[in-house]
Amino acid sequence: MQPTATVLVYSDNATTREQVRLAAGRRPASDVPPIEYIECATLPAVLSTLDERRVDVCVLDGETAPAGGMGVCRQIKDEIFNCPPVLLLIGRPTDSWLATWSRAEAAVPHPIDPAALADQLAGLLRERLASGTCHA
């Protein structure tokens, strides 16, 4: 069985979570492992998943309420040992400074551009593989 990378997708909107899965697909690039997605709709679900499971990359929706992805990103960067890299979905390209504040490694604006999302996600997975911290 081929190893997989685990990607946590956080959004209170099921359509957004589906868009992320469909945009990145099962394998966003040929040189990264296939992806297993874990979907979370609430902050407690994100925190328990990160506590209980291995996660290689988090994709967080900055427009989620009441706990937006930017604040969640900053929180997990402070609280999770060896926190996985974060790809933040931002509402507007001008929100990129907020992505920097939250300490996200990458950001992609809404509406989701499938090529940009797949490219950013693959890049984070490559970095994780190169560092030896990817569990795939």
Protein backbone atom coordinates (compact mmCIF):
# COMPACT_ATOMS: atom_id res chain seq x y z
CA MET A 1 0.00 0.00 0.00
CA GLN A 2 1.34 3.42 -0.97
CA PRO A 3 1.86 5.89 1.87
CA THR A 4 -0.41 8.92 1.95
CA ALA A 5 -0.09 12.49 3.18
CA THR A 6 -2.77 13.72 5.56
CA VAL A 7 -4.35 17.11 4.89
CA LEU A 8 -6.74 18.70 7.38
CA VAL A 9 -9.31 21.00 5.78
CA TYR A 10 -11.06 23.42 8.15
CA SER A 11 -14.13 25.40 7.12
CA ASP A 12 -17.63 25.80 8.51
CA ASN A 13 -18.83 25.65 4.91
CA ALA A 14 -19.14 22.13 3.46
CA THR A 15 -18.98 23.55 -0.07
CA THR A 16 -15.63 25.22 0.65
CA ARG A 17 -14.25 21.95 2.06
CA GLU A 18 -15.44 20.17 -1.08
CA GLN A 19 -13.89 22.84 -3.32
CA VAL A 20 -10.53 22.32 -1.62
CA ARG A 21 -10.72 18.54 -2.10
CA LEU A 22 -11.77 18.87 -5.74
CA ALA A 23 -9.23 21.61 -6.54
CA ALA A 24 -6.24 19.74 -5.09
CA GLY A 25 -7.50 16.31 -6.02
CA ARG A 26 -6.16 13.06 -4.74
CA ARG A 27 -2.63 14.02 -5.79
CA PRO A 28 -1.84 17.71 -6.43
CA ALA A 29 1.48 16.88 -8.15
CA SER A 30 3.17 13.73 -9.38
CA ASP A 31 6.10 14.10 -6.99
CA VAL A 32 4.03 14.18 -3.79
CA PRO A 33 2.16 11.30 -2.17
CA PRO A 34 -1.59 10.80 -2.54
CA ILE A 35 -3.68 12.74 -0.04
CA GLU A 36 -6.06 11.56 2.64
CA TYR A 37 -8.34 14.44 3.66
CA ILE A 38 -9.69 15.04 7.15
CA GLU A 39 -12.52 17.59 7.21
CA CYS A 40 -13.25 19.73 10.26
CA ALA A 41 -16.06 22.26 10.64
CA THR A 42 -15.26 23.52 14.16
CA LEU A 43 -12.23 24.66 16.14
CA PRO A 44 -12.62 21.86 18.73
CA ALA A 45 -12.55 19.32 15.88
CA VAL A 46 -9.33 20.87 14.52
CA LEU A 47 -7.64 20.82 17.92
CA SER A 48 -8.65 17.24 18.71
CA THR A 49 -7.58 16.05 15.25
CA LEU A 50 -4.17 17.69 15.60
CA ASP A 51 -3.84 16.16 19.06
CA GLU A 52 -4.90 12.64 18.06
CA ARG A 53 -3.74 12.18 14.46
CA ARG A 54 -0.77 12.91 12.30
CA VAL A 55 -1.42 15.78 9.93
CA ASP A 56 1.05 16.85 7.25
CA VAL A 57 -0.61 20.10 6.09
CA CYS A 58 -3.58 22.17 7.28
CA VAL A 59 -5.81 24.12 4.89
CA LEU A 60 -7.73 26.70 6.92
CA ASP A 61 -10.59 28.90 5.68
CA GLY A 62 -10.02 32.47 6.83
CA GLU A 63 -13.74 33.23 6.39
CA THR A 64 -14.97 30.55 8.83
CA ALA A 65 -17.05 31.73 11.79
CA PRO A 66 -16.92 32.03 14.70
CA ALA A 67 -13.24 30.93 14.76
CA GLY A 68 -11.68 32.17 11.54
CA GLY A 69 -8.81 30.35 9.92
CA MET A 70 -6.35 33.19 10.57
CA GLY A 71 -6.92 33.11 14.31
CA VAL A 72 -6.92 29.30 14.31
CA CYS A 73 -3.62 29.33 12.44
CA ARG A 74 -2.00 31.63 14.98
CA GLN A 75 -3.41 29.55 17.85
CA ILE A 76 -2.15 26.21 16.53
CA LYS A 77 1.27 27.72 15.72
CA ASP A 78 1.47 28.74 19.40
CA GLU A 79 0.01 25.56 20.91
CA ILE A 80 0.88 22.56 18.71
CA PHE A 81 4.39 21.13 18.94
CA ASN A 82 5.79 20.66 15.41
CA CYS A 83 2.68 22.26 13.98
CA PRO A 84 2.15 21.28 10.35
CA PRO A 85 2.43 23.97 7.70
CA VAL A 86 -0.72 25.95 6.97
CA LEU A 87 -2.27 26.99 3.68
CA LEU A 88 -4.74 29.77 4.41
CA LEU A 89 -7.76 30.54 2.24
CA ILE A 90 -8.17 34.32 2.32
CA GLY A 91 -11.18 36.40 1.35
CA ARG A 92 -9.26 38.99 -0.67
CA PRO A 93 -5.72 39.17 -2.05
CA THR A 94 -5.21 42.26 0.14
CA ASP A 95 -5.65 40.00 3.20
CA SER A 96 -2.22 38.48 2.57
CA TRP A 97 -0.78 40.62 5.38
CA LEU A 98 -3.20 38.89 7.77
CA ALA A 99 -1.94 35.52 6.52
CA THR A 100 1.56 36.68 7.43
CA TRP A 101 0.35 37.81 10.87
CA SER A 102 -1.21 34.39 11.43
CA ARG A 103 2.10 32.70 10.49
CA ALA A 104 0.63 30.70 7.60
CA GLU A 105 3.23 29.34 5.21
CA ALA A 106 1.03 29.97 2.14
CA ALA A 107 -2.21 31.69 1.15
CA VAL A 108 -4.68 31.39 -1.71
CA PRO A 109 -7.59 33.81 -2.22
CA HIS A 110 -11.29 32.95 -2.63
CA PRO A 111 -12.73 32.04 -5.02
CA ILE A 112 -10.40 29.06 -5.13
CA ASP A 113 -8.23 28.79 -8.22
CA PRO A 114 -7.64 25.02 -8.55
CA ALA A 115 -4.19 25.40 -10.12
CA ALA A 116 -3.00 27.85 -7.45
CA LEU A 117 -4.34 25.74 -4.60
CA ALA A 118 -2.82 22.51 -5.97
CA ASP A 119 0.51 24.28 -6.57
CA GLN A 120 0.68 25.76 -3.05
CA LEU A 121 -0.41 22.51 -1.39
CA ALA A 122 2.12 20.47 -3.38
CA GLY A 123 4.84 22.96 -2.42
CA LEU A 124 4.05 22.60 1.29
CA LEU A 125 4.03 18.80 0.98
CA ARG A 126 7.41 18.89 -0.83
CA GLU A 127 8.90 21.02 1.96
CA ARG A 128 7.47 18.67 4.56
CA LEU A 129 8.92 15.64 2.74
CA ALA A 130 12.32 17.32 2.37
CA SER A 131 12.42 18.13 6.09
CA GLY A 132 11.65 14.52 6.98
CA THR A 133 8.59 15.49 9.00
CA CYS A 134 5.99 14.29 6.46
CA HIS A 135 4.49 11.02 7.61
CA ALA A 136 3.93 9.70 4.09
